[in-house]
Amino acid sequence: MSRLRAFVTAVLALGWFAAGAVAEAQVSPSPAEVAGYGGLHAAAWSGDVAEIRRLAATGADLNATEGAGRTPLHVATFASQDAAVRVLAELGADTNRLEHGLYDIITIAAVADDPEMVKLATSVGGNAANITSIYDGTALIAAAHLGHVEVVSALIEAKAPLDHINNLGWTALMESVVLGDGGPRHVATARALVEAGADTTITDRQGRTPLDHARQRGYAEMTALLEQAQRR
């Protein structure tokens, strides 16, 4: 068992739900890794579409991976190289492949708060319902956790599953409360989820609803939103 997965297991066993207890595990390429890139990975990082096309024409593997399991498409997404993402997908790169951290291109873009990349990733074949991360979550859950409301709206539009429950026992709505700060971004995120039809009655493993958590934390605006939703 990896140290990170062991940590998650401990979190579940202890019921430790503080906002800082579960950190995003996504790791972008380091400067050293980027410096070592060649071929399609280097072209993807720099957004060199002509070189991507040239290398693909010579038979370069579009889904080749580097040490962290990142394909050129993952690398282009981390680098926010829209044109490179588009051409790699057009040439046949796997738009739903997971790197070693179990992230796909949609979740990479979601965590980076890059709504335009999220829209692009879904338009070229990425599936917003993919199960990603060691938490068996989704891009929507990751975005809700971080209060990335524009990304949440884009994923809702892409038909991401609203009520998927990850291995912590939480939905996107639950994470917007439990791992949020009760501020404007997380309130707007919760509102977008509620208005899209997210189930406000799904409880955590202790039987508590998002509303229960909002009240416990003294999140007045979040509480009012969820109380109104439950009266409908």
Protein backbone atom coordinates (compact mmCIF):
# COMPACT_ATOMS: atom_id res chain seq x y z
CA MET A 1 0.00 0.00 0.00
CA SER A 2 1.42 3.42 -0.93
CA ARG A 3 1.96 5.98 1.81
CA LEU A 4 -0.70 8.25 0.27
CA ARG A 5 -3.28 5.46 0.05
CA ALA A 6 -2.42 4.43 3.62
CA PHE A 7 -3.05 8.02 4.69
CA VAL A 8 -6.48 7.97 3.05
CA THR A 9 -7.27 4.71 4.83
CA ALA A 10 -6.31 6.30 8.14
CA VAL A 11 -8.50 9.32 7.38
CA LEU A 12 -11.45 7.01 6.77
CA ALA A 13 -10.77 4.98 9.91
CA LEU A 14 -10.48 8.05 12.12
CA GLY A 15 -13.35 9.99 10.60
CA TRP A 16 -10.95 12.97 10.32
CA PHE A 17 -12.77 15.43 8.08
CA ALA A 18 -10.92 18.72 8.60
CA ALA A 19 -10.66 20.79 5.44
CA GLY A 20 -6.91 20.28 5.25
CA ALA A 21 -7.01 16.55 5.89
CA VAL A 22 -7.36 15.50 2.28
CA ALA A 23 -5.09 17.32 -0.16
CA GLU A 24 -5.22 17.15 -3.92
CA ALA A 25 -2.61 14.62 -5.07
CA GLN A 26 -2.26 15.96 -8.58
CA VAL A 27 1.32 16.80 -9.53
CA SER A 28 2.27 18.74 -12.64
CA PRO A 29 5.57 18.07 -14.43
CA SER A 30 8.53 19.54 -12.57
CA PRO A 31 11.06 21.81 -14.30
CA ALA A 32 13.52 18.91 -14.26
CA GLU A 33 11.00 16.60 -15.89
CA VAL A 34 10.15 19.17 -18.55
CA ALA A 35 13.85 19.71 -19.26
CA GLY A 36 14.17 15.98 -19.89
CA TYR A 37 11.29 15.78 -22.34
CA GLY A 38 11.90 14.94 -25.97
CA GLY A 39 9.76 14.04 -28.95
CA LEU A 40 6.02 14.35 -28.53
CA HIS A 41 6.23 15.23 -24.84
CA ALA A 42 8.45 18.21 -25.57
CA ALA A 43 6.27 19.31 -28.46
CA ALA A 44 3.12 18.94 -26.36
CA TRP A 45 4.55 20.99 -23.50
CA SER A 46 5.60 23.82 -25.81
CA GLY A 47 2.43 23.63 -27.93
CA ASP A 48 4.37 22.94 -31.14
CA VAL A 49 1.52 21.66 -33.29
CA ALA A 50 3.63 21.35 -36.45
CA GLU A 51 6.14 19.16 -34.62
CA ILE A 52 3.36 17.03 -33.14
CA ARG A 53 1.99 16.43 -36.63
CA ARG A 54 5.47 15.68 -38.01
CA LEU A 55 6.29 13.19 -35.27
CA ALA A 56 2.89 11.49 -35.53
CA ALA A 57 3.43 11.08 -39.28
CA THR A 58 6.70 9.25 -38.59
CA GLY A 59 4.91 6.77 -36.31
CA ALA A 60 5.60 8.28 -32.90
CA ASP A 61 3.45 6.72 -30.17
CA LEU A 62 0.75 9.24 -29.28
CA ASN A 63 0.17 7.48 -25.97
CA ALA A 64 3.79 7.05 -24.91
CA THR A 65 4.33 7.73 -21.21
CA GLU A 66 7.11 9.32 -19.20
CA GLY A 67 8.10 8.36 -15.67
CA ALA A 68 4.92 9.63 -14.03
CA GLY A 69 2.71 7.91 -16.60
CA ARG A 70 1.87 11.14 -18.40
CA THR A 71 1.15 10.95 -22.11
CA PRO A 72 1.78 13.91 -24.42
CA LEU A 73 -1.91 14.73 -24.01
CA HIS A 74 -1.58 14.91 -20.22
CA VAL A 75 1.48 17.12 -20.62
CA ALA A 76 -0.29 19.46 -23.05
CA THR A 77 -3.19 19.74 -20.61
CA PHE A 78 -0.92 20.57 -17.68
CA ALA A 79 0.72 23.23 -19.88
CA SER A 80 -2.69 24.60 -20.95
CA GLN A 81 -1.74 24.16 -24.60
CA ASP A 82 -5.19 24.11 -26.20
CA ALA A 83 -4.00 23.67 -29.79
CA ALA A 84 -1.74 20.77 -28.83
CA VAL A 85 -4.58 19.06 -26.96
CA ARG A 86 -6.83 19.49 -29.97
CA VAL A 87 -4.37 18.08 -32.50
CA LEU A 88 -3.29 15.16 -30.31
CA ALA A 89 -6.93 14.14 -29.85
CA GLU A 90 -7.56 14.61 -33.57
CA LEU A 91 -4.63 12.30 -34.35
CA GLY A 92 -5.98 9.59 -32.06
CA ALA A 93 -4.46 10.11 -28.60
CA ASP A 94 -6.41 8.46 -25.78
CA THR A 95 -8.46 11.25 -24.20
CA ASN A 96 -9.49 9.15 -21.19
CA ARG A 97 -6.21 7.61 -20.13
CA LEU A 98 -5.11 8.02 -16.50
CA GLU A 99 -1.58 8.93 -15.47
CA HIS A 100 0.05 7.32 -12.43
CA GLY A 101 -1.77 9.67 -10.06
CA LEU A 102 -5.03 8.40 -11.62
CA TYR A 103 -5.91 11.71 -13.23
CA ASP A 104 -7.35 12.16 -16.72
CA ILE A 105 -7.12 15.34 -18.77
CA ILE A 106 -10.50 16.62 -17.55
CA THR A 107 -9.56 16.28 -13.89
CA ILE A 108 -6.15 17.84 -14.54
CA ALA A 109 -7.90 20.86 -16.06
CA ALA A 110 -10.53 20.92 -13.29
CA VAL A 111 -7.95 21.04 -10.50
CA ALA A 112 -6.04 23.74 -12.40
CA ASP A 113 -9.24 25.85 -12.54
CA ASP A 114 -9.07 25.94 -16.33
CA PRO A 115 -12.71 25.92 -17.51
CA GLU A 116 -11.80 26.45 -21.16
CA MET A 117 -9.54 23.39 -21.09
CA VAL A 118 -12.29 21.41 -19.37
CA LYS A 119 -14.66 22.33 -22.20
CA LEU A 120 -12.05 21.44 -24.79
CA ALA A 121 -11.25 18.13 -23.11
CA THR A 122 -14.90 17.09 -23.11
CA SER A 123 -15.36 18.24 -26.70
CA VAL A 124 -12.51 16.05 -27.99
CA GLY A 125 -13.73 12.87 -26.30
CA GLY A 126 -12.94 13.16 -22.61
CA ASN A 127 -15.61 11.59 -20.42
CA ALA A 128 -16.76 13.74 -17.49
CA ALA A 129 -17.96 10.57 -15.75
CA ASN A 130 -14.48 9.06 -15.47
CA ILE A 131 -13.50 7.79 -12.01
CA THR A 132 -10.24 9.52 -11.16
CA SER A 133 -7.74 10.01 -8.30
CA ILE A 134 -6.94 7.64 -5.46
CA TYR A 135 -10.19 8.79 -3.88
CA ASP A 136 -12.26 7.16 -6.66
CA GLY A 137 -13.78 10.54 -7.34
CA THR A 138 -14.56 12.57 -10.43
CA ALA A 139 -13.45 15.84 -11.94
CA LEU A 140 -16.64 17.38 -10.55
CA ILE A 141 -15.83 16.34 -7.00
CA ALA A 142 -12.30 17.75 -7.33
CA ALA A 143 -13.62 21.05 -8.67
CA ALA A 144 -16.29 21.31 -5.97
CA HIS A 145 -13.71 20.65 -3.27
CA LEU A 146 -11.65 23.58 -4.57
CA GLY A 147 -14.57 25.94 -5.21
CA HIS A 148 -13.85 26.18 -8.93
CA VAL A 149 -17.35 27.26 -9.83
CA GLU A 150 -16.80 27.93 -13.55
CA VAL A 151 -15.31 24.47 -13.90
CA VAL A 152 -18.21 22.99 -11.95
CA SER A 153 -20.65 24.68 -14.33
CA ALA A 154 -18.73 23.35 -17.35
CA LEU A 155 -18.77 19.83 -15.94
CA ILE A 156 -22.48 20.03 -15.16
CA GLU A 157 -23.00 21.06 -18.79
CA ALA A 158 -20.91 18.03 -19.84
CA LYS A 159 -23.27 15.75 -17.86
CA ALA A 160 -20.84 14.86 -15.10
CA PRO A 161 -22.52 12.60 -12.51
CA LEU A 162 -23.86 14.90 -9.81
CA ASP A 163 -24.19 12.35 -7.03
CA HIS A 164 -21.16 10.11 -7.42
CA ILE A 165 -19.85 9.09 -3.99
CA ASN A 166 -16.09 8.76 -3.63
CA ASN A 167 -14.22 6.41 -1.30
CA LEU A 168 -14.39 8.98 1.49
CA GLY A 169 -18.18 8.68 1.33
CA TRP A 170 -18.64 12.18 -0.12
CA THR A 171 -20.41 13.65 -3.13
CA ALA A 172 -19.41 16.86 -4.92
CA LEU A 173 -22.00 18.77 -2.86
CA MET A 174 -20.67 17.30 0.37
CA GLU A 175 -17.10 18.27 -0.55
CA SER A 176 -18.14 21.84 -1.33
CA VAL A 177 -19.15 22.09 2.33
CA VAL A 178 -16.77 19.78 4.18
CA LEU A 179 -13.64 20.82 2.29
CA GLY A 180 -14.80 24.33 1.47
CA ASP A 181 -14.41 27.49 3.48
CA GLY A 182 -18.03 28.65 3.43
CA GLY A 183 -17.03 31.64 1.31
CA PRO A 184 -18.43 32.97 -1.98
CA ARG A 185 -16.69 30.45 -4.25
CA HIS A 186 -17.88 27.40 -2.36
CA VAL A 187 -21.38 28.83 -1.87
CA ALA A 188 -21.60 29.46 -5.62
CA THR A 189 -20.34 25.94 -6.25
CA ALA A 190 -22.98 24.44 -3.96
CA ARG A 191 -25.66 26.60 -5.57
CA ALA A 192 -24.69 25.40 -9.06
CA LEU A 193 -24.85 21.79 -7.91
CA VAL A 194 -28.20 22.22 -6.15
CA GLU A 195 -29.74 24.03 -9.12
CA ALA A 196 -28.51 21.25 -11.41
CA GLY A 197 -30.34 18.69 -9.27
CA ALA A 198 -27.71 17.32 -6.89
CA ASP A 199 -29.26 15.28 -4.07
CA THR A 200 -29.01 17.31 -0.85
CA THR A 201 -30.09 14.36 1.32
CA ILE A 202 -27.15 12.03 0.65
CA THR A 203 -25.32 11.59 3.95
CA ASP A 204 -21.73 10.84 4.85
CA ARG A 205 -20.79 7.65 6.66
CA GLN A 206 -21.78 9.21 9.98
CA GLY A 207 -25.28 9.95 8.68
CA ARG A 208 -24.75 13.70 8.32
CA THR A 209 -26.04 15.71 5.37
CA PRO A 210 -24.31 18.68 3.73
CA LEU A 211 -26.75 20.89 5.64
CA ASP A 212 -25.68 19.32 8.94
CA HIS A 213 -22.05 20.09 8.13
CA ALA A 214 -22.84 23.65 7.05
CA ARG A 215 -24.66 24.31 10.32
CA GLN A 216 -21.87 22.74 12.38
CA ARG A 217 -19.30 24.98 10.71
CA GLY A 218 -21.37 28.13 11.06
CA TYR A 219 -21.55 28.69 7.30
CA ALA A 220 -24.61 30.93 7.32
CA GLU A 221 -25.03 31.47 3.57
CA MET A 222 -24.37 27.80 2.78
CA THR A 223 -26.86 26.80 5.48
CA ALA A 224 -29.56 29.09 4.07
CA LEU A 225 -28.99 27.73 0.57
CA LEU A 226 -29.27 24.11 1.68
CA GLU A 227 -32.27 24.77 3.95
CA GLN A 228 -34.09 26.36 1.01
CA ALA A 229 -33.18 23.42 -1.22
CA GLN A 230 -34.58 20.92 1.26
CA ARG A 231 -37.88 22.83 1.50
CA ARG A 232 -38.51 22.46 -2.23
